[in-house]
């Protein structure tokens, strides 16, 4: 016997509650806040601005306060282009957050050196993966979703020296077929896969909100 489908009014209520949850999440993040990342290459600090990208800044704050980034890997570093992280080291946690997407933000800052945003696969698909621009990627400004929410304000020299020898092979291909792209093993095995196959990757030890 098939399960009953929710009524149209019930569906509207669910959508309204989801939108309310997104709005409350955005309101919980400070207007401006700084997060220090401790890595095996050294420390760097990202300053986030809600007025640059409210949904992105709120999700960043939520991930940091949830300790999502702690004990993970900086798995996609391409010299002169970007450094990417944001797949939890514990695959159970990574899978739980994988499809928790946020709406796109209007692009108010350009994707140039040191600016930070969320990676995506299509409109309104940002979830947990973050990139730091290692060069001028302003060509991405015209594409929905690539809205910087912050900037590295300290330790950009550390970001520039993150291990980049593996290039795209250790975690690229986010926009390929869900089961075929190179990130799938990261969601299935987490740190165990990366440490075995790509042992030179730098480790993200912890992310901490810096209070004034």
N, C-alpha and C. Protein backbone atom coordinates (compact mmCIF):
# COMPACT_ATOMS: atom_id res chain seq x y z
N UNK A 1 0.85 -1.19 0.00
CA UNK A 1 0.00 0.00 0.00
C UNK A 1 0.88 1.25 0.00
N UNK A 2 0.61 2.19 -0.88
CA UNK A 2 1.44 3.39 -0.97
C UNK A 2 1.17 4.32 0.21
N UNK A 3 2.22 5.08 0.59
CA UNK A 3 2.08 6.01 1.70
C UNK A 3 1.32 7.24 1.23
N UNK A 4 0.48 7.83 2.10
CA UNK A 4 -0.27 9.03 1.71
C UNK A 4 0.67 10.20 1.47
N UNK A 5 0.36 11.00 0.44
CA UNK A 5 1.17 12.17 0.14
C UNK A 5 0.71 13.34 1.00
N UNK A 6 1.66 14.22 1.39
CA UNK A 6 1.25 15.37 2.20
C UNK A 6 0.36 16.29 1.38
N UNK A 7 -0.59 16.94 2.04
CA UNK A 7 -1.48 17.87 1.36
C UNK A 7 -0.69 19.10 0.91
N UNK A 8 -1.34 19.87 0.03
CA UNK A 8 -0.67 21.07 -0.47
C UNK A 8 -0.40 22.05 0.67
N UNK A 9 -1.34 22.17 1.59
CA UNK A 9 -1.14 23.08 2.73
C UNK A 9 -0.01 22.61 3.62
N UNK A 10 0.09 21.29 3.82
CA UNK A 10 1.18 20.75 4.63
C UNK A 10 2.52 21.00 3.95
N UNK A 11 2.55 20.85 2.63
CA UNK A 11 3.78 21.10 1.88
C UNK A 11 4.21 22.56 2.02
N UNK A 12 3.22 23.47 1.91
CA UNK A 12 3.54 24.90 2.06
C UNK A 12 4.07 25.19 3.45
N UNK A 13 3.53 24.52 4.46
CA UNK A 13 3.99 24.71 5.83
C UNK A 13 5.44 24.25 5.97
N UNK A 14 5.76 23.10 5.38
CA UNK A 14 7.12 22.58 5.44
C UNK A 14 8.10 23.55 4.79
N UNK A 15 7.73 24.05 3.61
CA UNK A 15 8.59 25.01 2.91
C UNK A 15 8.78 26.27 3.74
N UNK A 16 7.70 26.74 4.35
CA UNK A 16 7.79 27.95 5.18
C UNK A 16 8.72 27.74 6.37
N UNK A 17 8.63 26.57 6.98
CA UNK A 17 9.50 26.27 8.12
C UNK A 17 10.96 26.19 7.70
N UNK A 18 11.21 25.62 6.54
CA UNK A 18 12.59 25.55 6.03
C UNK A 18 13.14 26.94 5.76
N UNK A 19 12.34 27.80 5.16
CA UNK A 19 12.77 29.16 4.89
C UNK A 19 13.02 29.92 6.19
N UNK A 20 12.17 29.67 7.18
CA UNK A 20 12.36 30.31 8.48
C UNK A 20 13.66 29.84 9.11
N UNK A 21 13.96 28.55 8.98
CA UNK A 21 15.20 28.02 9.55
C UNK A 21 16.41 28.66 8.91
N UNK A 22 16.35 28.86 7.59
CA UNK A 22 17.46 29.52 6.89
C UNK A 22 17.62 30.95 7.37
N UNK A 23 16.49 31.65 7.53
CA UNK A 23 16.54 33.04 7.98
C UNK A 23 17.10 33.15 9.39
N UNK A 24 16.68 32.25 10.29
CA UNK A 24 17.19 32.27 11.66
C UNK A 24 18.66 31.96 11.70
N UNK A 25 19.11 31.04 10.84
CA UNK A 25 20.53 30.70 10.77
C UNK A 25 21.34 31.92 10.35
N UNK A 26 20.83 32.65 9.35
CA UNK A 26 21.54 33.83 8.88
C UNK A 26 21.63 34.90 9.98
N UNK A 27 20.56 35.00 10.79
CA UNK A 27 20.54 36.00 11.85
C UNK A 27 21.47 35.65 12.99
N UNK A 28 21.80 34.37 13.16
CA UNK A 28 22.61 33.95 14.30
C UNK A 28 24.08 34.28 14.11
N UNK A 29 24.53 34.47 12.88
CA UNK A 29 25.92 34.79 12.63
C UNK A 29 26.15 36.28 12.86
N UNK A 30 27.28 36.66 13.48
CA UNK A 30 27.59 38.09 13.64
C UNK A 30 27.74 38.77 12.28
N UNK A 31 27.65 40.09 12.27
CA UNK A 31 27.81 40.81 11.02
C UNK A 31 29.19 40.59 10.42
N UNK A 32 30.20 40.59 11.28
CA UNK A 32 31.58 40.33 10.87
C UNK A 32 32.21 39.44 11.94
N UNK A 33 32.89 38.40 11.53
CA UNK A 33 33.58 37.54 12.49
C UNK A 33 34.81 36.92 11.84
N UNK A 34 35.75 36.53 12.68
CA UNK A 34 37.00 35.95 12.19
C UNK A 34 37.14 34.51 12.69
N UNK A 35 37.68 33.67 11.83
CA UNK A 35 37.90 32.27 12.15
C UNK A 35 39.36 31.93 11.87
N UNK A 36 40.02 31.36 12.88
CA UNK A 36 41.40 30.92 12.71
C UNK A 36 41.43 29.44 12.38
N UNK A 37 42.18 29.10 11.35
CA UNK A 37 42.36 27.71 10.95
C UNK A 37 43.79 27.28 11.29
N UNK A 38 43.89 26.23 12.07
CA UNK A 38 45.18 25.64 12.38
C UNK A 38 45.42 24.47 11.43
N UNK A 39 46.55 24.50 10.73
CA UNK A 39 46.86 23.43 9.78
C UNK A 39 48.30 22.98 9.98
N UNK A 40 48.66 21.90 9.33
CA UNK A 40 50.03 21.40 9.43
C UNK A 40 51.02 22.30 8.69
N UNK A 41 50.51 23.26 7.90
CA UNK A 41 51.39 24.20 7.21
C UNK A 41 51.51 25.52 7.98
N UNK A 42 50.70 25.68 9.02
CA UNK A 42 50.66 26.92 9.78
C UNK A 42 49.22 27.40 9.93
N UNK A 43 49.04 28.60 10.46
CA UNK A 43 47.71 29.12 10.72
C UNK A 43 47.33 30.22 9.73
N UNK A 44 46.04 30.30 9.43
CA UNK A 44 45.54 31.43 8.65
C UNK A 44 44.16 31.82 9.20
N UNK A 45 43.75 33.05 8.92
CA UNK A 45 42.50 33.58 9.46
C UNK A 45 41.61 34.11 8.34
N UNK A 46 40.35 33.70 8.37
CA UNK A 46 39.35 34.19 7.43
C UNK A 46 38.41 35.15 8.16
N UNK A 47 38.20 36.31 7.57
CA UNK A 47 37.21 37.26 8.10
C UNK A 47 35.97 37.19 7.23
N UNK A 48 34.83 36.86 7.84
CA UNK A 48 33.56 36.70 7.13
C UNK A 48 32.69 37.93 7.32
N UNK A 49 31.93 38.27 6.26
CA UNK A 49 31.05 39.44 6.28
C UNK A 49 29.65 39.02 5.82
N UNK A 50 28.67 39.20 6.68
CA UNK A 50 27.30 38.84 6.31
C UNK A 50 26.76 39.69 5.17
N UNK A 51 27.20 40.97 5.10
CA UNK A 51 26.66 41.82 4.05
C UNK A 51 27.24 41.48 2.68
N UNK A 52 28.33 40.72 2.63
CA UNK A 52 28.87 40.28 1.34
C UNK A 52 28.04 39.13 0.79
N UNK A 53 27.70 38.18 1.64
CA UNK A 53 26.96 36.99 1.22
C UNK A 53 26.28 36.39 2.46
N UNK A 54 25.06 36.82 2.79
CA UNK A 54 24.43 36.43 4.05
C UNK A 54 24.25 34.92 4.24
N UNK A 55 23.82 34.21 3.19
CA UNK A 55 23.64 32.77 3.34
C UNK A 55 25.00 32.07 3.51
N UNK A 56 25.98 32.49 2.74
CA UNK A 56 27.30 31.88 2.84
C UNK A 56 27.96 32.13 4.19
N UNK A 57 27.88 33.36 4.68
CA UNK A 57 28.48 33.69 5.97
C UNK A 57 27.80 32.91 7.10
N UNK A 58 26.46 32.78 7.02
CA UNK A 58 25.72 32.05 8.05
C UNK A 58 26.10 30.58 8.05
N UNK A 59 26.21 29.97 6.85
CA UNK A 59 26.58 28.56 6.79
C UNK A 59 28.02 28.36 7.29
N UNK A 60 28.92 29.26 6.96
CA UNK A 60 30.30 29.18 7.43
C UNK A 60 30.33 29.21 8.96
N UNK A 61 29.57 30.11 9.55
CA UNK A 61 29.50 30.22 11.02
C UNK A 61 28.94 28.93 11.62
N UNK A 62 27.91 28.39 10.98
CA UNK A 62 27.28 27.15 11.46
C UNK A 62 28.27 25.98 11.42
N UNK A 63 29.02 25.88 10.34
CA UNK A 63 29.98 24.79 10.19
C UNK A 63 31.10 24.89 11.22
N UNK A 64 31.60 26.09 11.43
CA UNK A 64 32.69 26.27 12.39
C UNK A 64 32.22 25.95 13.81
N UNK A 65 31.06 26.48 14.20
CA UNK A 65 30.57 26.23 15.55
C UNK A 65 30.17 24.77 15.77
N UNK A 66 29.89 24.05 14.68
CA UNK A 66 29.59 22.61 14.76
C UNK A 66 30.86 21.76 14.76
N UNK A 67 32.02 22.39 14.64
CA UNK A 67 33.33 21.71 14.57
C UNK A 67 33.43 20.83 13.32
N UNK A 68 32.70 21.18 12.28
CA UNK A 68 32.66 20.36 11.07
C UNK A 68 34.04 20.23 10.41
N UNK A 69 34.82 21.29 10.40
CA UNK A 69 36.09 21.27 9.70
C UNK A 69 37.22 20.58 10.46
N UNK A 70 37.06 20.41 11.76
CA UNK A 70 38.15 19.87 12.59
C UNK A 70 38.58 18.48 12.11
N UNK A 71 39.89 18.27 12.07
CA UNK A 71 40.49 17.00 11.66
C UNK A 71 39.99 16.58 10.28
N UNK A 72 40.19 17.46 9.31
CA UNK A 72 39.89 17.14 7.91
C UNK A 72 41.12 17.44 7.07
N UNK A 73 40.98 17.44 5.75
CA UNK A 73 42.14 17.61 4.88
C UNK A 73 41.89 18.73 3.87
N UNK A 74 42.95 19.45 3.51
CA UNK A 74 42.90 20.45 2.46
C UNK A 74 43.16 19.70 1.17
N UNK A 75 42.09 19.16 0.59
CA UNK A 75 42.20 18.07 -0.37
C UNK A 75 42.37 18.50 -1.83
N UNK A 76 42.13 19.75 -2.13
CA UNK A 76 42.23 20.19 -3.54
C UNK A 76 42.96 21.53 -3.60
N UNK A 77 44.24 21.47 -3.87
CA UNK A 77 45.05 22.68 -3.94
C UNK A 77 45.74 22.74 -5.29
N UNK A 78 45.41 23.76 -6.06
CA UNK A 78 46.00 23.96 -7.38
C UNK A 78 46.71 25.30 -7.35
N UNK A 79 48.02 25.28 -7.44
CA UNK A 79 48.81 26.50 -7.31
C UNK A 79 48.34 27.56 -8.30
N UNK A 80 48.18 28.78 -7.79
CA UNK A 80 47.76 29.90 -8.61
C UNK A 80 46.28 29.96 -8.89
N UNK A 81 45.51 28.95 -8.44
CA UNK A 81 44.08 28.91 -8.72
C UNK A 81 43.25 28.90 -7.43
N UNK A 82 43.30 27.80 -6.67
CA UNK A 82 42.47 27.72 -5.48
C UNK A 82 42.97 26.65 -4.51
N UNK A 83 42.56 26.82 -3.28
CA UNK A 83 42.74 25.80 -2.24
C UNK A 83 41.35 25.48 -1.71
N UNK A 84 41.02 24.19 -1.68
CA UNK A 84 39.64 23.79 -1.33
C UNK A 84 39.66 22.80 -0.17
N UNK A 85 38.67 22.97 0.71
CA UNK A 85 38.47 22.06 1.84
C UNK A 85 36.99 22.06 2.17
N UNK A 86 36.59 21.21 3.14
CA UNK A 86 35.18 21.24 3.55
C UNK A 86 34.44 19.93 3.37
N UNK A 87 35.18 18.82 3.27
CA UNK A 87 34.55 17.50 3.38
C UNK A 87 35.05 16.92 4.69
N UNK A 88 34.15 16.68 5.62
CA UNK A 88 34.53 16.23 6.96
C UNK A 88 35.35 14.94 6.90
N UNK A 89 36.30 14.81 7.83
CA UNK A 89 37.14 13.63 7.89
C UNK A 89 36.39 12.37 8.25
N UNK A 90 35.32 12.52 9.01
CA UNK A 90 34.46 11.39 9.37
C UNK A 90 33.38 11.26 8.30
N UNK A 91 33.36 10.17 7.54
CA UNK A 91 32.41 10.07 6.43
C UNK A 91 30.95 10.14 6.86
N UNK A 92 30.62 9.71 8.07
CA UNK A 92 29.24 9.81 8.53
C UNK A 92 28.80 11.26 8.64
N UNK A 93 29.71 12.10 9.13
CA UNK A 93 29.41 13.53 9.24
C UNK A 93 29.34 14.16 7.85
N UNK A 94 30.28 13.80 6.99
CA UNK A 94 30.29 14.35 5.63
C UNK A 94 29.01 14.02 4.88
N UNK A 95 28.54 12.78 5.00
CA UNK A 95 27.33 12.37 4.31
C UNK A 95 26.10 13.08 4.88
N UNK A 96 26.08 13.30 6.19
CA UNK A 96 24.93 13.95 6.82
C UNK A 96 24.76 15.39 6.35
N UNK A 97 25.87 16.06 6.03
CA UNK A 97 25.82 17.46 5.61
C UNK A 97 25.80 17.62 4.10
N UNK A 98 26.08 16.59 3.37
CA UNK A 98 26.34 16.68 1.94
C UNK A 98 25.24 17.38 1.15
N UNK A 99 24.01 17.10 1.44
CA UNK A 99 22.89 17.65 0.69
C UNK A 99 22.16 18.76 1.45
N UNK A 100 22.75 19.26 2.50
CA UNK A 100 22.16 20.37 3.25
C UNK A 100 22.57 21.68 2.57
N UNK A 101 21.90 21.99 1.48
CA UNK A 101 22.30 23.13 0.65
C UNK A 101 21.71 24.44 1.14
N UNK A 102 22.31 25.52 0.65
CA UNK A 102 21.83 26.87 0.96
C UNK A 102 21.56 27.61 -0.35
N UNK A 103 20.69 28.62 -0.32
CA UNK A 103 20.41 29.39 -1.54
C UNK A 103 21.65 30.18 -1.98
N UNK A 104 21.70 30.51 -3.26
CA UNK A 104 22.78 31.35 -3.77
C UNK A 104 22.68 32.75 -3.19
N UNK A 105 23.83 33.42 -3.11
CA UNK A 105 23.89 34.83 -2.75
C UNK A 105 24.25 35.65 -3.99
N UNK A 106 23.88 36.91 -3.99
CA UNK A 106 24.31 37.83 -5.03
C UNK A 106 25.82 38.03 -4.90
N UNK A 107 26.54 38.04 -6.02
CA UNK A 107 27.99 38.24 -5.99
C UNK A 107 28.28 39.72 -5.77
N UNK A 108 28.81 40.05 -4.60
CA UNK A 108 29.10 41.44 -4.25
C UNK A 108 30.60 41.71 -4.14
N UNK A 109 31.42 40.66 -4.09
CA UNK A 109 32.87 40.79 -4.07
C UNK A 109 33.44 39.89 -5.15
N UNK A 110 34.58 40.26 -5.69
CA UNK A 110 35.14 39.51 -6.80
C UNK A 110 36.01 38.34 -6.31
N UNK A 111 36.09 37.30 -7.14
CA UNK A 111 36.90 36.13 -6.83
C UNK A 111 38.35 36.37 -7.24
N UNK A 112 38.99 37.18 -6.44
CA UNK A 112 40.40 37.48 -6.67
C UNK A 112 41.21 36.96 -5.48
N UNK A 113 42.51 37.12 -5.55
CA UNK A 113 43.42 36.58 -4.54
C UNK A 113 42.95 36.84 -3.11
N UNK A 114 42.88 35.77 -2.33
CA UNK A 114 42.58 35.75 -0.89
C UNK A 114 41.09 35.75 -0.55
N UNK A 115 40.21 35.97 -1.53
CA UNK A 115 38.77 35.94 -1.23
C UNK A 115 38.26 34.50 -1.17
N UNK A 116 37.22 34.29 -0.37
CA UNK A 116 36.78 32.95 0.00
C UNK A 116 35.29 32.78 -0.28
N UNK A 117 34.92 31.62 -0.86
CA UNK A 117 33.52 31.34 -1.12
C UNK A 117 33.23 29.85 -1.04
N UNK A 118 31.98 29.48 -1.33
CA UNK A 118 31.56 28.08 -1.33
C UNK A 118 31.57 27.53 -2.74
N UNK A 119 32.09 26.31 -2.90
CA UNK A 119 32.01 25.62 -4.18
C UNK A 119 30.58 25.12 -4.39
N UNK A 120 30.24 24.85 -5.65
CA UNK A 120 28.89 24.39 -5.96
C UNK A 120 28.90 23.57 -7.24
N UNK A 121 27.82 22.88 -7.49
CA UNK A 121 27.70 22.08 -8.71
C UNK A 121 26.66 22.64 -9.66
N UNK A 122 25.81 23.54 -9.17
CA UNK A 122 24.73 24.14 -9.96
C UNK A 122 24.11 25.23 -9.08
N UNK A 123 23.17 25.99 -9.60
CA UNK A 123 22.52 26.99 -8.75
C UNK A 123 21.93 26.38 -7.48
N UNK A 124 22.11 27.09 -6.37
CA UNK A 124 21.54 26.71 -5.06
C UNK A 124 22.00 25.35 -4.57
N UNK A 125 23.27 25.01 -4.79
CA UNK A 125 23.80 23.71 -4.34
C UNK A 125 24.97 23.85 -3.37
N UNK A 126 25.22 25.03 -2.86
CA UNK A 126 26.33 25.19 -1.91
C UNK A 126 26.00 24.46 -0.60
N UNK A 127 26.98 23.78 -0.04
CA UNK A 127 26.72 23.09 1.22
C UNK A 127 27.87 23.27 2.21
N UNK A 128 29.02 22.62 1.98
CA UNK A 128 30.10 22.66 2.97
C UNK A 128 31.48 22.95 2.40
N UNK A 129 31.65 22.81 1.09
CA UNK A 129 32.99 22.91 0.52
C UNK A 129 33.37 24.36 0.21
N UNK A 130 34.53 24.75 0.70
CA UNK A 130 34.99 26.13 0.62
C UNK A 130 36.26 26.22 -0.20
N UNK A 131 36.36 27.27 -0.99
CA UNK A 131 37.59 27.52 -1.74
C UNK A 131 38.18 28.87 -1.34
N UNK A 132 39.49 28.93 -1.40
CA UNK A 132 40.23 30.18 -1.23
C UNK A 132 40.89 30.48 -2.57
N UNK A 133 40.66 31.65 -3.11
CA UNK A 133 41.27 32.01 -4.38
C UNK A 133 42.77 32.25 -4.21
N UNK A 134 43.56 31.52 -4.99
CA UNK A 134 45.02 31.68 -4.97
C UNK A 134 45.50 32.54 -6.13
N UNK A 135 44.58 33.13 -6.83
CA UNK A 135 44.89 33.99 -7.96
C UNK A 135 43.64 34.72 -8.39
N UNK A 136 43.67 35.26 -9.60
CA UNK A 136 42.53 35.99 -10.13
C UNK A 136 41.56 35.02 -10.82
N UNK A 137 40.47 34.72 -10.14
CA UNK A 137 39.41 33.87 -10.70
C UNK A 137 38.13 34.67 -10.92
N UNK A 138 38.30 35.95 -11.25
CA UNK A 138 37.15 36.83 -11.39
C UNK A 138 36.21 36.40 -12.51
N UNK A 139 36.67 35.52 -13.41
CA UNK A 139 35.78 35.00 -14.45
C UNK A 139 34.59 34.26 -13.84
N UNK A 140 34.74 33.78 -12.59
CA UNK A 140 33.64 33.08 -11.92
C UNK A 140 32.58 34.02 -11.35
N UNK A 141 32.86 35.31 -11.36
CA UNK A 141 31.91 36.25 -10.75
C UNK A 141 30.55 36.23 -11.44
N UNK A 142 30.56 35.93 -12.72
CA UNK A 142 29.31 35.97 -13.48
C UNK A 142 28.44 34.75 -13.27
N UNK A 143 28.98 33.73 -12.61
CA UNK A 143 28.22 32.50 -12.42
C UNK A 143 27.56 32.48 -11.05
N UNK A 144 26.28 32.20 -11.01
CA UNK A 144 25.53 32.18 -9.75
C UNK A 144 26.16 31.21 -8.77
N UNK A 145 26.28 31.65 -7.54
CA UNK A 145 26.78 30.77 -6.49
C UNK A 145 28.18 31.09 -6.04
N UNK A 146 29.03 31.60 -6.93
CA UNK A 146 30.41 31.88 -6.56
C UNK A 146 30.50 33.27 -5.92
N UNK A 147 29.87 33.41 -4.77
CA UNK A 147 29.79 34.69 -4.07
C UNK A 147 30.72 34.68 -2.86
N UNK A 148 31.84 35.36 -2.90
CA UNK A 148 32.72 35.40 -1.73
C UNK A 148 32.00 35.94 -0.50
N UNK A 149 32.19 35.25 0.61
CA UNK A 149 31.61 35.69 1.88
C UNK A 149 32.68 36.19 2.83
N UNK A 150 33.94 36.03 2.45
CA UNK A 150 35.02 36.40 3.34
C UNK A 150 36.34 36.54 2.62
N UNK A 151 37.37 36.78 3.41
CA UNK A 151 38.70 37.02 2.87
C UNK A 151 39.74 36.56 3.89
N UNK A 152 40.83 36.00 3.41
CA UNK A 152 41.95 35.66 4.30
C UNK A 152 42.64 36.97 4.68
N UNK A 153 42.62 37.28 5.96
CA UNK A 153 43.19 38.55 6.43
C UNK A 153 44.51 38.35 7.15
N UNK A 154 44.85 37.10 7.42
CA UNK A 154 46.14 36.81 8.06
C UNK A 154 46.57 35.40 7.65
N UNK A 155 47.83 35.24 7.30
CA UNK A 155 48.34 33.91 6.96
C UNK A 155 48.14 33.51 5.51
N UNK A 156 47.98 34.48 4.61
CA UNK A 156 47.84 34.10 3.20
C UNK A 156 49.10 33.41 2.70
N UNK A 157 50.23 33.72 3.29
CA UNK A 157 51.48 33.04 2.91
C UNK A 157 51.40 31.55 3.26
N UNK A 158 50.69 31.23 4.33
CA UNK A 158 50.48 29.83 4.71
C UNK A 158 49.61 29.13 3.67
N UNK A 159 48.52 29.80 3.28
CA UNK A 159 47.62 29.22 2.28
C UNK A 159 48.37 28.96 0.97
N UNK A 160 49.23 29.89 0.60
CA UNK A 160 49.96 29.76 -0.66
C UNK A 160 50.94 28.58 -0.66
N UNK A 161 51.37 28.15 0.52
CA UNK A 161 52.33 27.04 0.57
C UNK A 161 51.70 25.69 0.93
N UNK A 162 50.35 25.62 0.98
CA UNK A 162 49.70 24.33 1.18
C UNK A 162 50.13 23.37 0.08
N UNK A 163 50.26 22.10 0.41
CA UNK A 163 50.77 21.14 -0.56
C UNK A 163 49.85 21.05 -1.78
N UNK A 164 50.42 21.29 -2.96
CA UNK A 164 49.63 21.32 -4.19
C UNK A 164 50.08 20.28 -5.22
N UNK A 165 50.95 19.36 -4.80
CA UNK A 165 51.51 18.40 -5.73
C UNK A 165 50.51 17.45 -6.37
N UNK A 166 49.38 17.23 -5.72
CA UNK A 166 48.38 16.31 -6.28
C UNK A 166 47.41 17.01 -7.23
N UNK A 167 47.35 18.34 -7.17
CA UNK A 167 46.45 19.08 -8.05
C UNK A 167 45.01 18.64 -7.93
N UNK A 168 44.39 18.35 -9.07
CA UNK A 168 42.98 17.97 -9.10
C UNK A 168 42.75 16.49 -8.75
N UNK A 169 43.79 15.69 -8.72
CA UNK A 169 43.60 14.24 -8.58
C UNK A 169 43.12 13.82 -7.20
N UNK A 170 43.36 14.63 -6.17
CA UNK A 170 43.00 14.23 -4.81
C UNK A 170 41.62 14.70 -4.37
N UNK A 171 40.89 15.41 -5.24
CA UNK A 171 39.56 15.84 -4.82
C UNK A 171 38.88 16.79 -5.77
N UNK A 172 39.28 16.76 -7.04
CA UNK A 172 38.62 17.61 -8.04
C UNK A 172 37.39 16.92 -8.60
N UNK A 173 36.85 17.52 -9.64
CA UNK A 173 35.72 16.90 -10.32
C UNK A 173 34.42 16.98 -9.58
N UNK A 174 34.22 18.01 -8.77
CA UNK A 174 32.99 18.13 -8.00
C UNK A 174 31.75 18.18 -8.90
N UNK A 175 31.89 18.71 -10.11
CA UNK A 175 30.74 18.89 -11.00
C UNK A 175 30.50 17.70 -11.91
N UNK A 176 31.28 16.65 -11.77
CA UNK A 176 31.06 15.46 -12.59
C UNK A 176 29.89 14.65 -12.03
N UNK A 177 29.56 13.54 -12.69
CA UNK A 177 28.50 12.66 -12.22
C UNK A 177 28.73 12.28 -10.77
N UNK A 178 27.66 12.27 -9.98
CA UNK A 178 27.75 12.07 -8.54
C UNK A 178 28.55 10.84 -8.15
N UNK A 179 28.36 9.73 -8.87
CA UNK A 179 29.06 8.50 -8.52
C UNK A 179 30.42 8.38 -9.19
N UNK A 180 30.67 9.21 -10.21
CA UNK A 180 31.90 9.05 -10.98
C UNK A 180 33.00 10.00 -10.55
N UNK A 181 32.65 11.12 -9.94
CA UNK A 181 33.69 12.10 -9.70
C UNK A 181 34.67 11.66 -8.61
N UNK A 182 35.80 12.31 -8.59
CA UNK A 182 36.91 11.91 -7.73
C UNK A 182 36.66 12.16 -6.25
N UNK A 183 35.60 12.88 -5.92
CA UNK A 183 35.32 13.15 -4.51
C UNK A 183 34.58 12.01 -3.82
N UNK A 184 34.00 11.11 -4.57
CA UNK A 184 33.17 10.07 -3.96
C UNK A 184 33.90 9.30 -2.87
N UNK A 185 35.17 8.88 -3.06
CA UNK A 185 35.86 8.16 -1.99
C UNK A 185 36.02 8.98 -0.71
N UNK A 186 36.06 10.32 -0.85
CA UNK A 186 36.18 11.16 0.34
C UNK A 186 34.93 11.07 1.20
N UNK A 187 33.77 10.93 0.55
CA UNK A 187 32.52 10.81 1.29
C UNK A 187 32.32 9.40 1.84
N UNK A 188 32.93 8.42 1.19
CA UNK A 188 32.78 7.02 1.62
C UNK A 188 33.76 6.66 2.73
N UNK A 189 35.03 7.11 2.59
CA UNK A 189 36.07 6.71 3.55
C UNK A 189 36.65 7.86 4.36
N UNK A 190 36.48 9.08 3.91
CA UNK A 190 36.98 10.22 4.66
C UNK A 190 38.50 10.28 4.73
N UNK A 191 39.01 10.65 5.91
CA UNK A 191 40.45 10.79 6.11
C UNK A 191 41.22 9.51 5.78
N UNK A 192 40.62 8.37 6.04
CA UNK A 192 41.32 7.10 5.81
C UNK A 192 41.74 6.99 4.34
N UNK A 193 40.86 7.39 3.44
CA UNK A 193 41.18 7.34 2.01
C UNK A 193 42.27 8.33 1.65
N UNK A 194 42.11 9.58 2.08
CA UNK A 194 43.08 10.60 1.71
C UNK A 194 44.45 10.33 2.32
N UNK A 195 44.49 9.89 3.56
CA UNK A 195 45.78 9.62 4.20
C UNK A 195 46.49 8.44 3.56
N UNK A 196 45.73 7.52 3.03
CA UNK A 196 46.33 6.35 2.37
C UNK A 196 46.81 6.68 0.95
N UNK A 197 45.97 7.38 0.20
CA UNK A 197 46.26 7.61 -1.21
C UNK A 197 47.01 8.92 -1.47
N UNK A 198 46.85 9.90 -0.60
CA UNK A 198 47.46 11.22 -0.80
C UNK A 198 48.07 11.71 0.51
N UNK A 199 49.08 11.02 1.00
CA UNK A 199 49.61 11.28 2.35
C UNK A 199 50.27 12.64 2.53
N UNK A 200 50.60 13.34 1.46
CA UNK A 200 51.29 14.62 1.60
C UNK A 200 50.33 15.80 1.77
N UNK A 201 49.05 15.55 1.66
CA UNK A 201 48.08 16.64 1.85
C UNK A 201 48.24 17.26 3.23
N UNK A 202 48.10 18.57 3.29
CA UNK A 202 48.11 19.22 4.60
C UNK A 202 46.81 18.95 5.34
N UNK A 203 46.92 18.88 6.66
CA UNK A 203 45.78 18.58 7.51
C UNK A 203 45.21 19.85 8.14
N UNK A 204 43.90 19.91 8.19
CA UNK A 204 43.21 20.99 8.87
C UNK A 204 42.92 20.50 10.29
N UNK A 205 43.64 21.03 11.23
CA UNK A 205 43.56 20.52 12.60
C UNK A 205 42.28 20.98 13.29
N UNK A 206 42.05 22.29 13.27
CA UNK A 206 40.81 22.81 13.88
C UNK A 206 40.53 24.22 13.36
N UNK A 207 39.27 24.60 13.45
CA UNK A 207 38.83 25.97 13.11
C UNK A 207 38.15 26.57 14.33
N UNK A 208 38.53 27.78 14.68
CA UNK A 208 38.05 28.40 15.91
C UNK A 208 37.64 29.84 15.65
N UNK A 209 36.46 30.21 16.12
CA UNK A 209 36.02 31.60 16.02
C UNK A 209 36.82 32.45 17.00
N UNK A 210 37.39 33.54 16.50
CA UNK A 210 38.18 34.45 17.34
C UNK A 210 37.26 35.52 17.89
N UNK A 211 37.22 35.64 19.20
CA UNK A 211 36.36 36.64 19.83
C UNK A 211 37.18 37.90 20.13
N UNK A 212 36.56 39.07 19.95
CA UNK A 212 37.29 40.34 20.19
C UNK A 212 37.81 40.43 21.61
